[in-house]
Protein backbone atom coordinates (compact mmCIF):
# COMPACT_ATOMS: atom_id res chain seq x y z
CA MET A 1 36.06 10.27 -115.10
CA GLU A 2 36.97 13.76 -114.94
CA THR A 3 34.92 13.31 -111.43
CA ASP A 4 37.05 10.23 -110.06
CA LEU A 5 39.83 12.91 -111.23
CA LYS A 6 38.57 15.48 -108.71
CA LYS A 7 37.77 13.36 -105.79
CA GLN A 8 41.49 11.76 -106.51
CA ALA A 9 43.43 15.07 -106.67
CA ALA A 10 41.13 16.57 -103.72
CA LYS A 11 42.21 13.65 -101.59
CA CYS A 12 46.07 13.99 -102.86
CA GLY A 13 46.01 17.44 -101.48
CA TYR A 14 45.54 19.30 -104.76
CA THR A 15 43.73 21.93 -105.88
CA THR A 16 43.14 21.82 -109.51
CA THR A 17 43.22 18.87 -112.05
CA GLU A 18 45.56 20.51 -114.55
CA GLY A 19 48.19 18.61 -116.09
CA LEU A 20 47.89 15.70 -113.97
CA VAL A 21 48.07 12.54 -115.17
CA LEU A 22 47.33 9.18 -113.80
CA THR A 23 49.22 6.23 -114.02
CA ASP A 24 47.95 3.06 -114.10
CA GLY A 25 44.04 4.57 -113.38
CA LYS A 26 45.63 6.09 -110.09
CA LEU A 27 46.58 10.00 -109.36
CA THR A 28 50.43 9.90 -108.02
CA PRO A 29 51.20 11.35 -104.66
CA ARG A 30 52.99 14.00 -103.79
CA GLY A 31 56.72 12.68 -103.50
CA LYS A 32 56.61 10.27 -105.75
CA LEU A 33 57.52 10.05 -109.90
CA SER A 34 54.51 9.55 -112.09
CA VAL A 35 56.72 7.92 -114.65
CA ASN A 36 58.71 5.43 -112.55
CA HIS A 37 57.89 4.49 -108.61
CA ASP A 38 61.83 3.25 -108.20
CA TYR A 39 63.16 7.07 -107.65
CA ASP A 40 62.92 8.88 -104.03
CA VAL A 41 61.91 12.53 -104.94
CA GLU A 42 63.17 15.10 -102.57
CA VAL A 43 60.25 17.88 -102.26
CA CYS A 44 61.37 21.66 -101.32
CA ALA A 45 60.69 25.35 -101.94
CA PHE A 46 63.20 28.15 -103.81
CA SER A 47 64.55 29.59 -101.14
CA GLN A 48 66.08 26.02 -100.21
CA VAL A 49 67.50 25.43 -103.10
CA ASP A 50 71.26 26.14 -101.63
CA GLN A 51 70.71 22.88 -99.11
CA LEU A 52 70.38 20.61 -102.70
CA LEU A 53 73.34 18.71 -103.57
CA ASN A 54 74.72 19.69 -106.61
CA LYS A 55 74.61 16.39 -108.83
CA ALA A 56 72.84 15.29 -111.84
CA GLY A 57 69.61 14.76 -111.63
CA VAL A 58 65.72 15.53 -112.88
CA TYR A 59 64.05 18.63 -111.37
CA GLN A 60 60.15 19.34 -111.68
CA ILE A 61 58.34 22.18 -110.65
CA PHE A 62 54.82 23.25 -109.47
CA THR A 63 52.30 25.69 -107.95
CA ASP A 64 51.54 25.02 -104.58
CA ASP A 65 47.71 24.40 -105.99
CA GLY A 66 49.85 21.59 -107.73
CA ILE A 67 49.65 22.32 -111.16
CA PRO A 68 52.87 21.25 -113.05
CA LEU A 69 54.76 23.99 -114.84
CA LYS A 70 58.54 22.68 -115.83
CA VAL A 71 60.39 19.72 -115.89
CA GLY A 72 64.21 19.91 -116.27
CA ILE A 73 67.78 17.87 -116.07
CA ALA A 74 70.71 19.67 -114.58
CA THR A 75 74.47 18.18 -114.42
CA LYS A 76 74.55 20.77 -111.37
CA LEU A 77 70.71 20.71 -109.88
CA ARG A 78 72.06 23.44 -107.25
CA ALA A 79 73.68 25.64 -109.77
CA ARG A 80 70.84 25.32 -112.64
CA LEU A 81 67.75 25.89 -109.77
CA ARG A 82 69.29 29.21 -108.67
CA GLN A 83 69.48 30.47 -112.33
CA HIS A 84 65.60 29.88 -112.80
CA ALA A 85 65.23 30.98 -108.76
CA LYS A 86 66.87 34.51 -109.82
CA SER A 87 64.94 34.79 -112.84
CA SER A 88 67.12 37.66 -114.47
CA GLN A 89 65.96 40.12 -116.54
CA LYS A 90 69.43 40.83 -118.04
CA TYR A 91 69.27 37.30 -119.68
CA LEU A 92 65.65 38.22 -121.40
CA LYS A 93 67.01 39.85 -124.93
CA PHE A 94 64.39 41.75 -126.42
CA LYS A 95 64.58 42.88 -130.32
CA HIS A 96 62.60 45.95 -129.24
CA GLU A 97 60.50 47.35 -125.98
CA GLY A 98 57.59 48.38 -125.26
CA THR A 99 53.92 47.17 -126.13
CA GLY A 100 53.07 43.74 -128.38
CA VAL A 101 56.59 41.88 -127.43
CA GLN A 102 55.76 38.79 -129.05
CA PRO A 103 57.51 35.10 -127.49
CA SER A 104 59.49 35.21 -131.06
CA ASP A 105 61.04 39.05 -130.25
CA VAL A 106 61.95 37.31 -126.97
CA ARG A 107 65.57 34.94 -126.54
CA SER A 108 66.64 33.70 -123.15
CA THR A 109 70.54 33.31 -122.45
CA ARG A 110 69.71 31.44 -118.61
CA SER A 111 66.11 30.19 -117.67
CA ILE A 112 63.73 29.49 -120.60
CA LEU A 113 61.60 29.44 -117.19
CA ALA A 114 62.30 33.34 -116.77
CA LYS A 115 60.92 33.61 -120.65
CA HIS A 116 57.52 31.25 -120.02
CA LEU A 117 57.21 33.02 -116.76
CA TYR A 118 57.23 36.19 -118.77
CA PHE A 119 54.61 35.64 -121.46
CA ASP A 120 52.22 34.33 -119.02
CA SER A 121 50.30 36.20 -117.21
CA SER A 122 47.23 33.91 -116.34
CA ILE A 123 48.94 31.24 -113.86
CA ALA A 124 49.64 34.69 -111.16
CA PRO A 125 47.34 37.55 -111.34
CA ALA A 126 48.17 38.69 -108.52
CA TYR A 127 52.39 39.05 -109.71
CA ASP A 128 54.02 41.37 -112.36
CA LEU A 129 55.27 38.13 -114.20
CA THR A 130 57.01 40.33 -116.68
CA THR A 131 59.37 41.88 -113.91
CA GLU A 132 62.48 40.06 -112.78
CA GLU A 133 61.10 40.80 -109.19
CA GLY A 134 57.56 39.19 -109.95
CA ARG A 135 58.86 36.40 -111.10
CA ARG A 136 61.19 35.92 -108.71
CA LYS A 137 58.08 36.57 -106.25
CA PHE A 138 55.95 34.31 -107.34
CA LEU A 139 58.65 31.27 -107.50
CA GLN A 140 59.54 31.87 -103.83
CA ALA A 141 55.80 32.40 -102.80
CA GLU A 142 53.49 30.00 -104.78
CA CYS A 143 55.80 27.24 -106.28
CA TYR A 144 58.08 23.93 -105.51
CA LEU A 145 60.29 21.57 -106.36
CA MET A 146 61.23 18.13 -106.89
CA ILE A 147 63.99 16.68 -107.00
CA THR A 148 65.22 13.55 -108.69
CA TYR A 149 69.21 12.76 -108.38
CA THR A 150 70.58 10.11 -110.75
CA ASP A 151 74.23 9.19 -111.60
CA ASN A 152 74.37 10.94 -114.52
CA ARG A 153 72.88 13.31 -116.98
CA GLU A 154 71.76 10.23 -119.95
CA SER A 155 69.89 8.77 -116.31
CA ALA A 156 68.11 12.16 -116.24
CA ARG A 157 67.19 12.86 -119.96
CA GLU A 158 65.58 9.32 -120.21
CA ILE A 159 63.35 10.87 -116.94
CA GLU A 160 62.90 13.81 -118.64
CA ARG A 161 62.07 12.42 -121.89
CA LEU A 162 59.24 9.97 -120.06
CA PHE A 163 57.73 13.43 -118.55
CA GLU A 164 57.89 14.85 -121.74
CA ALA A 165 55.80 12.52 -123.65
CA LYS A 166 53.06 12.85 -121.00
CA LYS A 167 52.67 16.29 -122.05
CA MET A 168 51.35 17.22 -118.28
CA PHE A 169 53.91 20.00 -118.25
CA ARG A 170 52.48 23.64 -119.01
CA TYR A 171 56.01 25.02 -120.48
CA GLN A 172 56.95 22.43 -122.29
CA GLY A 173 58.23 23.44 -125.81
CA THR A 174 57.69 26.69 -127.45
CA VAL A 175 57.04 29.69 -125.15
CA VAL A 176 53.22 31.04 -125.64
CA LYS A 177 51.57 34.07 -124.70
CA ARG A 178 48.63 33.05 -122.27
């Protein structure tokens, strides 16, 4: 089974099988939601966020290697994804500075993605994800977005719940050091 998944992943252009989920025995191709094939997905880079519609929907963030990082929803997708792209350090509130900072010592007031990245040294060793600049460069150079527009936030939330139930995203739930 693992070998079949690796073959399917390579055929679809993925370089890893981390986080990939089979739907009806097959790997979902890029550009389609793995939870419901009736929805269309728009694929774009973080540099193209300003071109997105500012309406309700679901966003998925992946590394270029196909590792699913995060799923989220927004009433205004463009505005929400701008927050993630900025990855602002000033919105990470630290109880104390220095070594030994744990996830429970940091609160994120704008982008939980920034907090997840801050504590994940394994996803992108070439970038210093503890800095705003490092996170921004990583998102710009190594990640892409899959966008699904919905009629409202409730519809987006239903799709997000389906994704969360599959537990395929690396950043889901509590932030941990990696």
